[in-house]
Amino acid sequence: MMTALLGIWWLWIAIAIVLGLIELVAPSFIFLGFSLGALATSAFVGLADVPSPPVLMAFFAVVSLLAWVGLRVAFRRQSSDAKIITHDINDD
């Protein structure tokens, strides 16, 4: 039963959409990494024979981790060049 469900490519796309919507509610790039992992897993399921569920879950986990690390590197915080004011002109 579980192998049959995990072998449906559009189910992985639905999971990716749900995780993407959760990312909109709680923005932290965590759910977006899982969403990208689910999209990659849907492509893997659609193009290849369905492996055993543990192999499929391991693929999903590894791709999600790589996507999360890639997002963290791509969108790391930039140092701002904002000027810090330490003296108020009204304190004369």
PDB file of N, CA and C in Angstrom:
ATOM      1  N   MET A   1       0.827  -1.198   0.000  1.00  0.00           N
ATOM      2  CA  MET A   1       0.000   0.000   0.000  1.00  0.00           C
ATOM      3  C   MET A   1       0.865   1.252   0.000  1.00  0.00           C
ATOM      4  N   MET A   2       1.867   1.301   0.905  1.00  0.00           N
ATOM      5  CA  MET A   2       2.718   2.483   0.998  1.00  0.00           C
ATOM      6  C   MET A   2       3.558   2.662  -0.255  1.00  0.00           C
ATOM      7  N   THR A   3       4.046   1.564  -0.819  1.00  0.00           N
ATOM      8  CA  THR A   3       4.833   1.639  -2.048  1.00  0.00           C
ATOM      9  C   THR A   3       3.991   2.190  -3.187  1.00  0.00           C
ATOM     10  N   ALA A   4       2.735   1.793  -3.239  1.00  0.00           N
ATOM     11  CA  ALA A   4       1.850   2.284  -4.296  1.00  0.00           C
ATOM     12  C   ALA A   4       1.603   3.780  -4.145  1.00  0.00           C
ATOM     13  N   LEU A   5       1.418   4.254  -2.930  1.00  0.00           N
ATOM     14  CA  LEU A   5       1.198   5.686  -2.720  1.00  0.00           C
ATOM     15  C   LEU A   5       2.448   6.507  -3.000  1.00  0.00           C
ATOM     16  N   LEU A   6       3.602   6.022  -2.569  1.00  0.00           N
ATOM     17  CA  LEU A   6       4.838   6.760  -2.791  1.00  0.00           C
ATOM     18  C   LEU A   6       5.264   6.741  -4.249  1.00  0.00           C
ATOM     19  N   GLY A   7       4.704   5.847  -5.038  1.00  0.00           N
ATOM     20  CA  GLY A   7       5.051   5.746  -6.449  1.00  0.00           C
ATOM     21  C   GLY A   7       4.217   6.633  -7.350  1.00  0.00           C
ATOM     22  N   ILE A   8       3.338   7.433  -6.812  1.00  0.00           N
ATOM     23  CA  ILE A   8       2.490   8.321  -7.604  1.00  0.00           C
ATOM     24  C   ILE A   8       3.192   9.675  -7.701  1.00  0.00           C
ATOM     25  N   TRP A   9       3.587  10.073  -8.901  1.00  0.00           N
ATOM     26  CA  TRP A   9       4.389  11.282  -9.068  1.00  0.00           C
ATOM     27  C   TRP A   9       3.607  12.542  -8.723  1.00  0.00           C
ATOM     28  N   TRP A  10       2.321  12.585  -9.053  1.00  0.00           N
ATOM     29  CA  TRP A  10       1.557  13.799  -8.779  1.00  0.00           C
ATOM     30  C   TRP A  10       1.270  13.976  -7.286  1.00  0.00           C
ATOM     31  N   LEU A  11       1.345  12.891  -6.523  1.00  0.00           N
ATOM     32  CA  LEU A  11       1.189  13.013  -5.075  1.00  0.00           C
ATOM     33  C   LEU A  11       2.373  13.775  -4.483  1.00  0.00           C
ATOM     34  N   TRP A  12       3.569  13.534  -5.019  1.00  0.00           N
ATOM     35  CA  TRP A  12       4.753  14.275  -4.569  1.00  0.00           C
ATOM     36  C   TRP A  12       4.650  15.746  -4.943  1.00  0.00           C
ATOM     37  N   ILE A  13       4.041  16.053  -6.087  1.00  0.00           N
ATOM     38  CA  ILE A  13       3.845  17.458  -6.466  1.00  0.00           C
ATOM     39  C   ILE A  13       2.843  18.112  -5.520  1.00  0.00           C
ATOM     40  N   ALA A  14       1.795  17.387  -5.137  1.00  0.00           N
ATOM     41  CA  ALA A  14       0.828  17.928  -4.180  1.00  0.00           C
ATOM     42  C   ALA A  14       1.498  18.189  -2.832  1.00  0.00           C
ATOM     43  N   ILE A  15       2.368  17.285  -2.415  1.00  0.00           N
ATOM     44  CA  ILE A  15       3.104  17.489  -1.161  1.00  0.00           C
ATOM     45  C   ILE A  15       3.995  18.719  -1.276  1.00  0.00           C
ATOM     46  N   ALA A  16       4.636  18.903  -2.435  1.00  0.00           N
ATOM     47  CA  ALA A  16       5.496  20.071  -2.649  1.00  0.00           C
ATOM     48  C   ALA A  16       4.695  21.363  -2.582  1.00  0.00           C
ATOM     49  N   ILE A  17       3.504  21.364  -3.141  1.00  0.00           N
ATOM     50  CA  ILE A  17       2.658  22.563  -3.099  1.00  0.00           C
ATOM     51  C   ILE A  17       2.231  22.867  -1.674  1.00  0.00           C
ATOM     52  N   VAL A  18       1.831  21.848  -0.936  1.00  0.00           N
ATOM     53  CA  VAL A  18       1.414  22.055   0.462  1.00  0.00           C
ATOM     54  C   VAL A  18       2.582  22.592   1.290  1.00  0.00           C
ATOM     55  N   LEU A  19       3.771  22.030   1.099  1.00  0.00           N
ATOM     56  CA  LEU A  19       4.934  22.514   1.839  1.00  0.00           C
ATOM     57  C   LEU A  19       5.309  23.931   1.424  1.00  0.00           C
ATOM     58  N   GLY A  20       5.125  24.259   0.156  1.00  0.00           N
ATOM     59  CA  GLY A  20       5.365  25.633  -0.294  1.00  0.00           C
ATOM     60  C   GLY A  20       4.386  26.607   0.329  1.00  0.00           C
ATOM     61  N   LEU A  21       3.138  26.189   0.483  1.00  0.00           N
ATOM     62  CA  LEU A  21       2.151  27.055   1.136  1.00  0.00           C
ATOM     63  C   LEU A  21       2.456  27.227   2.624  1.00  0.00           C
ATOM     64  N   ILE A  22       2.933  26.181   3.256  1.00  0.00           N
ATOM     65  CA  ILE A  22       3.339  26.299   4.657  1.00  0.00           C
ATOM     66  C   ILE A  22       4.507  27.268   4.777  1.00  0.00           C
ATOM     67  N   GLU A  23       5.398  27.271   3.798  1.00  0.00           N
ATOM     68  CA  GLU A  23       6.532  28.207   3.801  1.00  0.00           C
ATOM     69  C   GLU A  23       6.049  29.653   3.725  1.00  0.00           C
ATOM     70  N   LEU A  24       4.944  29.895   3.037  1.00  0.00           N
ATOM     71  CA  LEU A  24       4.396  31.240   2.982  1.00  0.00           C
ATOM     72  C   LEU A  24       3.909  31.712   4.343  1.00  0.00           C
ATOM     73  N   VAL A  25       3.401  30.787   5.145  1.00  0.00           N
ATOM     74  CA  VAL A  25       2.895  31.132   6.474  1.00  0.00           C
ATOM     75  C   VAL A  25       4.040  31.275   7.467  1.00  0.00           C
ATOM     76  N   ALA A  26       5.046  30.420   7.365  1.00  0.00           N
ATOM     77  CA  ALA A  26       6.182  30.425   8.297  1.00  0.00           C
ATOM     78  C   ALA A  26       7.483  30.531   7.512  1.00  0.00           C
ATOM     79  N   PRO A  27       7.834  31.740   7.035  1.00  0.00           N
ATOM     80  CA  PRO A  27       9.016  31.864   6.179  1.00  0.00           C
ATOM     81  C   PRO A  27      10.319  31.638   6.948  1.00  0.00           C
ATOM     82  N   SER A  28      11.028  30.583   6.569  1.00  0.00           N
ATOM     83  CA  SER A  28      12.315  30.301   7.210  1.00  0.00           C
ATOM     84  C   SER A  28      13.197  29.458   6.321  1.00  0.00           C
ATOM     85  N   PHE A  29      12.808  29.194   5.095  1.00  0.00           N
ATOM     86  CA  PHE A  29      13.499  28.373   4.108  1.00  0.00           C
ATOM     87  C   PHE A  29      13.564  26.906   4.503  1.00  0.00           C
ATOM     88  N   ILE A  30      12.977  26.500   5.614  1.00  0.00           N
ATOM     89  CA  ILE A  30      12.992  25.088   5.986  1.00  0.00           C
ATOM     90  C   ILE A  30      11.983  24.319   5.129  1.00  0.00           C
ATOM     91  N   PHE A  31      10.761  24.780   5.109  1.00  0.00           N
ATOM     92  CA  PHE A  31       9.731  24.083   4.342  1.00  0.00           C
ATOM     93  C   PHE A  31       9.971  24.222   2.845  1.00  0.00           C
ATOM     94  N   LEU A  32      10.626  25.288   2.420  1.00  0.00           N
ATOM     95  CA  LEU A  32      10.937  25.447   1.003  1.00  0.00           C
ATOM     96  C   LEU A  32      11.949  24.397   0.562  1.00  0.00           C
ATOM     97  N   GLY A  33      12.897  24.063   1.425  1.00  0.00           N
ATOM     98  CA  GLY A  33      13.838  22.989   1.110  1.00  0.00           C
ATOM     99  C   GLY A  33      13.129  21.652   0.975  1.00  0.00           C
ATOM    100  N   PHE A  34      12.188  21.385   1.881  1.00  0.00           N
ATOM    101  CA  PHE A  34      11.396  20.157   1.781  1.00  0.00           C
ATOM    102  C   PHE A  34      10.539  20.159   0.514  1.00  0.00           C
ATOM    103  N   SER A  35      10.018  21.323   0.162  1.00  0.00           N
ATOM    104  CA  SER A  35       9.195  21.439  -1.038  1.00  0.00           C
ATOM    105  C   SER A  35      10.018  21.146  -2.294  1.00  0.00           C
ATOM    106  N   LEU A  36      11.225  21.687  -2.351  1.00  0.00           N
ATOM    107  CA  LEU A  36      12.096  21.399  -3.490  1.00  0.00           C
ATOM    108  C   LEU A  36      12.501  19.932  -3.522  1.00  0.00           C
ATOM    109  N   GLY A  37      12.683  19.340  -2.351  1.00  0.00           N
ATOM    110  CA  GLY A  37      12.976  17.914  -2.281  1.00  0.00           C
ATOM    111  C   GLY A  37      11.818  17.078  -2.791  1.00  0.00           C
ATOM    112  N   ALA A  38      10.605  17.480  -2.476  1.00  0.00           N
ATOM    113  CA  ALA A  38       9.429  16.754  -2.962  1.00  0.00           C
ATOM    114  C   ALA A  38       9.278  16.900  -4.475  1.00  0.00           C
ATOM    115  N   LEU A  39       9.604  18.080  -5.003  1.00  0.00           N
ATOM    116  CA  LEU A  39       9.558  18.256  -6.459  1.00  0.00           C
ATOM    117  C   LEU A  39      10.584  17.367  -7.155  1.00  0.00           C
ATOM    118  N   ALA A  40      11.786  17.312  -6.604  1.00  0.00           N
ATOM    119  CA  ALA A  40      12.815  16.449  -7.186  1.00  0.00           C
ATOM    120  C   ALA A  40      12.414  14.980  -7.081  1.00  0.00           C
ATOM    121  N   THR A  41      11.780  14.613  -5.985  1.00  0.00           N
ATOM    122  CA  THR A  41      11.324  13.233  -5.813  1.00  0.00           C
ATOM    123  C   THR A  41      10.215  12.902  -6.801  1.00  0.00           C
ATOM    124  N   SER A  42       9.354  13.873  -7.088  1.00  0.00           N
ATOM    125  CA  SER A  42       8.305  13.614  -8.091  1.00  0.00           C
ATOM    126  C   SER A  42       8.922  13.369  -9.467  1.00  0.00           C
ATOM    127  N   ALA A  43       9.967  14.125  -9.796  1.00  0.00           N
ATOM    128  CA  ALA A  43      10.645  13.893 -11.074  1.00  0.00           C
ATOM    129  C   ALA A  43      11.321  12.521 -11.078  1.00  0.00           C
ATOM    130  N   PHE A  44      11.921  12.164  -9.960  1.00  0.00           N
ATOM    131  CA  PHE A  44      12.588  10.854  -9.842  1.00  0.00           C
ATOM    132  C   PHE A  44      11.581   9.721  -9.993  1.00  0.00           C
ATOM    133  N   VAL A  45      10.430   9.850  -9.357  1.00  0.00           N
ATOM    134  CA  VAL A  45       9.395   8.813  -9.436  1.00  0.00           C
ATOM    135  C   VAL A  45       8.807   8.761 -10.841  1.00  0.00           C
ATOM    136  N   GLY A  46       8.645   9.934 -11.462  1.00  0.00           N
ATOM    137  CA  GLY A  46       8.052   9.971 -12.790  1.00  0.00           C
ATOM    138  C   GLY A  46       8.962   9.419 -13.879  1.00  0.00           C
ATOM    139  N   LEU A  47      10.267   9.575 -13.711  1.00  0.00           N
ATOM    140  CA  LEU A  47      11.203   9.163 -14.765  1.00  0.00           C
ATOM    141  C   LEU A  47      11.803   7.783 -14.565  1.00  0.00           C
ATOM    142  N   ALA A  48      11.839   7.305 -13.336  1.00  0.00           N
ATOM    143  CA  ALA A  48      12.493   6.020 -13.056  1.00  0.00           C
ATOM    144  C   ALA A  48      11.482   5.045 -12.462  1.00  0.00           C
ATOM    145  N   ASP A  49      11.899   3.799 -12.382  1.00  0.00           N
ATOM    146  CA  ASP A  49      11.076   2.816 -11.685  1.00  0.00           C
ATOM    147  C   ASP A  49      11.040   3.166 -10.207  1.00  0.00           C
ATOM    148  N   VAL A  50       9.922   2.856  -9.594  1.00  0.00           N
ATOM    149  CA  VAL A  50       9.757   3.203  -8.187  1.00  0.00           C
ATOM    150  C   VAL A  50      10.603   2.259  -7.335  1.00  0.00           C
ATOM    151  N   PRO A  51      11.585   2.793  -6.614  1.00  0.00           N
ATOM    152  CA  PRO A  51      12.375   1.928  -5.725  1.00  0.00           C
ATOM    153  C   PRO A  51      11.590   1.622  -4.454  1.00  0.00           C
ATOM    154  N   SER A  52      12.224   0.937  -3.542  1.00  0.00           N
ATOM    155  CA  SER A  52      11.559   0.617  -2.279  1.00  0.00           C
ATOM    156  C   SER A  52      11.327   1.905  -1.494  1.00  0.00           C
ATOM    157  N   PRO A  53      10.336   1.918  -0.608  1.00  0.00           N
ATOM    158  CA  PRO A  53      10.048   3.131   0.166  1.00  0.00           C
ATOM    159  C   PRO A  53      11.235   3.675   0.968  1.00  0.00           C
ATOM    160  N   PRO A  54      12.073   2.842   1.595  1.00  0.00           N
ATOM    161  CA  PRO A  54      13.222   3.423   2.301  1.00  0.00           C
ATOM    162  C   PRO A  54      14.186   4.157   1.378  1.00  0.00           C
ATOM    163  N   VAL A  55      14.406   3.634   0.192  1.00  0.00           N
ATOM    164  CA  VAL A  55      15.293   4.302  -0.766  1.00  0.00           C
ATOM    165  C   VAL A  55      14.676   5.618  -1.220  1.00  0.00           C
ATOM    166  N   LEU A  56      13.380   5.619  -1.457  1.00  0.00           N
ATOM    167  CA  LEU A  56      12.688   6.830  -1.882  1.00  0.00           C
ATOM    168  C   LEU A  56      12.712   7.892  -0.784  1.00  0.00           C
ATOM    169  N   MET A  57      12.501   7.483   0.453  1.00  0.00           N
ATOM    170  CA  MET A  57      12.554   8.430   1.572  1.00  0.00           C
ATOM    171  C   MET A  57      13.969   8.969   1.779  1.00  0.00           C
ATOM    172  N   ALA A  58      14.971   8.113   1.588  1.00  0.00           N
ATOM    173  CA  ALA A  58      16.359   8.573   1.705  1.00  0.00           C
ATOM    174  C   ALA A  58      16.674   9.576   0.610  1.00  0.00           C
ATOM    175  N   PHE A  59      16.200   9.322  -0.603  1.00  0.00           N
ATOM    176  CA  PHE A  59      16.398  10.267  -1.707  1.00  0.00           C
ATOM    177  C   PHE A  59      15.750  11.603  -1.375  1.00  0.00           C
ATOM    178  N   PHE A  60      14.516  11.559  -0.889  1.00  0.00           N
ATOM    179  CA  PHE A  60      13.807  12.780  -0.506  1.00  0.00           C
ATOM    180  C   PHE A  60      14.564  13.538   0.588  1.00  0.00           C
ATOM    181  N   ALA A  61      15.069  12.831   1.576  1.00  0.00           N
ATOM    182  CA  ALA A  61      15.783  13.475   2.679  1.00  0.00           C
ATOM    183  C   ALA A  61      17.081  14.120   2.206  1.00  0.00           C
ATOM    184  N   VAL A  62      17.838  13.418   1.383  1.00  0.00           N
ATOM    185  CA  VAL A  62      19.127  13.952   0.912  1.00  0.00           C
ATOM    186  C   VAL A  62      18.909  15.166   0.014  1.00  0.00           C
ATOM    187  N   VAL A  63      17.957  15.073  -0.904  1.00  0.00           N
ATOM    188  CA  VAL A  63      17.698  16.200  -1.806  1.00  0.00           C
ATOM    189  C   VAL A  63      17.143  17.397  -1.030  1.00  0.00           C
ATOM    190  N   SER A  64      16.302  17.150  -0.034  1.00  0.00           N
ATOM    191  CA  SER A  64      15.778  18.242   0.785  1.00  0.00           C
ATOM    192  C   SER A  64      16.887  18.925   1.565  1.00  0.00           C
ATOM    193  N   LEU A  65      17.802  18.143   2.102  1.00  0.00           N
ATOM    194  CA  LEU A  65      18.926  18.721   2.837  1.00  0.00           C
ATOM    195  C   LEU A  65      19.806  19.551   1.915  1.00  0.00           C
ATOM    196  N   LEU A  66      20.101  19.036   0.734  1.00  0.00           N
ATOM    197  CA  LEU A  66      20.906  19.790  -0.229  1.00  0.00           C
ATOM    198  C   LEU A  66      20.202  21.074  -0.675  1.00  0.00           C
ATOM    199  N   ALA A  67      18.895  21.006  -0.859  1.00  0.00           N
ATOM    200  CA  ALA A  67      18.138  22.205  -1.235  1.00  0.00           C
ATOM    201  C   ALA A  67      18.156  23.228  -0.113  1.00  0.00           C
ATOM    202  N   TRP A  68      18.022  22.773   1.125  1.00  0.00           N
ATOM    203  CA  TRP A  68      18.043  23.684   2.268  1.00  0.00           C
ATOM    204  C   TRP A  68      19.404  24.364   2.397  1.00  0.00           C
ATOM    205  N   VAL A  69      20.465  23.593   2.258  1.00  0.00           N
ATOM    206  CA  VAL A  69      21.813  24.170   2.337  1.00  0.00           C
ATOM    207  C   VAL A  69      22.026  25.152   1.193  1.00  0.00           C
ATOM    208  N   GLY A  70      21.573  24.797   0.007  1.00  0.00           N
ATOM    209  CA  GLY A  70      21.699  25.700  -1.133  1.00  0.00           C
ATOM    210  C   GLY A  70      20.939  27.002  -0.932  1.00  0.00           C
ATOM    211  N   LEU A  71      19.747  26.914  -0.357  1.00  0.00           N
ATOM    212  CA  LEU A  71      18.977  28.126  -0.077  1.00  0.00           C
ATOM    213  C   LEU A  71      19.646  28.983   0.981  1.00  0.00           C
ATOM    214  N   ARG A  72      20.227  28.350   1.996  1.00  0.00           N
ATOM    215  CA  ARG A  72      20.924  29.109   3.037  1.00  0.00           C
ATOM    216  C   ARG A  72      22.134  29.839   2.473  1.00  0.00           C
ATOM    217  N   VAL A  73      22.847  29.194   1.557  1.00  0.00           N
ATOM    218  CA  VAL A  73      24.013  29.834   0.939  1.00  0.00           C
ATOM    219  C   VAL A  73      23.570  30.960   0.009  1.00  0.00           C
ATOM    220  N   ALA A  74      22.528  30.714  -0.772  1.00  0.00           N
ATOM    221  CA  ALA A  74      22.082  31.704  -1.745  1.00  0.00           C
ATOM    222  C   ALA A  74      21.464  32.932  -1.096  1.00  0.00           C
ATOM    223  N   PHE A  75      20.765  32.746   0.001  1.00  0.00           N
ATOM    224  CA  PHE A  75      20.045  33.848   0.625  1.00  0.00           C
ATOM    225  C   PHE A  75      20.572  34.190   2.009  1.00  0.00           C
ATOM    226  N   ARG A  76      21.866  34.004   2.218  1.00  0.00           N
ATOM    227  CA  ARG A  76      22.411  34.365   3.522  1.00  0.00           C
ATOM    228  C   ARG A  76      22.279  35.865   3.720  1.00  0.00           C
ATOM    229  N   ARG A  77      22.281  36.248   4.958  1.00  0.00           N
ATOM    230  CA  ARG A  77      22.077  37.661   5.278  1.00  0.00           C
ATOM    231  C   ARG A  77      23.238  38.489   4.770  1.00  0.00           C
ATOM    232  N   GLN A  78      22.886  39.539   4.087  1.00  0.00           N
ATOM    233  CA  GLN A  78      23.888  40.462   3.597  1.00  0.00           C
ATOM    234  C   GLN A  78      24.182  41.480   4.692  1.00  0.00           C
ATOM    235  N   SER A  79      25.439  41.850   4.807  1.00  0.00           N
ATOM    236  CA  SER A  79      25.765  42.885   5.784  1.00  0.00           C
ATOM    237  C   SER A  79      25.244  44.209   5.251  1.00  0.00           C
ATOM    238  N   SER A  80      24.575  44.940   6.109  1.00  0.00           N
ATOM    239  CA  SER A  80      24.011  46.197   5.647  1.00  0.00           C
ATOM    240  C   SER A  80      25.028  47.310   5.854  1.00  0.00           C
ATOM    241  N   ASP A  81      24.976  48.269   4.978  1.00  0.00           N
ATOM    242  CA  ASP A  81      25.849  49.431   5.074  1.00  0.00           C
ATOM    243  C   ASP A  81      25.100  50.600   5.688  1.00  0.00           C
ATOM    244  N   ALA A  82      24.155  50.289   6.553  1.00  0.00           N
ATOM    245  CA  ALA A  82      23.371  51.351   7.179  1.00  0.00           C
ATOM    246  C   ALA A  82      24.245  52.130   8.151  1.00  0.00           C
ATOM    247  N   LYS A  83      24.056  53.434   8.143  1.00  0.00           N
ATOM    248  CA  LYS A  83      24.830  54.300   9.026  1.00  0.00           C
ATOM    249  C   LYS A  83      24.217  54.253  10.424  1.00  0.00           C
ATOM    250  N   ILE A  84      25.055  54.035  11.410  1.00  0.00           N
ATOM    251  CA  ILE A  84      24.596  53.989  12.797  1.00  0.00           C
ATOM    252  C   ILE A  84      24.830  55.364  13.418  1.00  0.00           C
ATOM    253  N   ILE A  85      23.761  55.966  13.882  1.00  0.00           N
ATOM    254  CA  ILE A  85      23.822  57.303  14.475  1.00  0.00           C
ATOM    255  C   ILE A  85      24.045  57.155  15.975  1.00  0.00           C
ATOM    256  N   THR A  86      25.119  57.743  16.480  1.00  0.00           N
ATOM    257  CA  THR A  86      25.398  57.684  17.921  1.00  0.00           C
ATOM    258  C   THR A  86      25.218  59.024  18.605  1.00  0.00           C
ATOM    259  N   HIS A  87      25.069  60.087  17.836  1.00  0.00           N
ATOM    260  CA  HIS A  87      24.941  61.426  18.414  1.00  0.00           C
ATOM    261  C   HIS A  87      23.679  62.073  17.845  1.00  0.00           C
ATOM    262  N   ASP A  88      22.814  62.529  18.722  1.00  0.00           N
ATOM    263  CA  ASP A  88      21.591  63.181  18.314  1.00  0.00           C
ATOM    264  C   ASP A  88      21.854  64.674  18.212  1.00  0.00           C
ATOM    265  N   ILE A  89      21.417  65.297  17.119  1.00  0.00           N
ATOM    266  CA  ILE A  89      21.676  66.716  16.945  1.00  0.00           C
ATOM    267  C   ILE A  89      20.875  67.584  17.922  1.00  0.00           C
ATOM    268  N   ASN A  90      19.873  67.032  18.539  1.00  0.00           N
ATOM    269  CA  ASN A  90      19.058  67.799  19.489  1.00  0.00           C
ATOM    270  C   ASN A  90      19.616  67.772  20.896  1.00  0.00           C
ATOM    271  N   ASP A  91      20.727  67.071  21.117  1.00  0.00           N
ATOM    272  CA  ASP A  91      21.304  66.968  22.460  1.00  0.00           C
ATOM    273  C   ASP A  91      22.348  68.047  22.731  1.00  0.00           C
ATOM    274  N   ASP A  92      22.389  69.139  21.988  1.00  0.00           N
ATOM    275  CA  ASP A  92      23.400  70.174  22.186  1.00  0.00           C
ATOM    276  C   ASP A  92      23.152  70.948  23.391  1.00  0.00           C
TER     277      ASP A  92
END
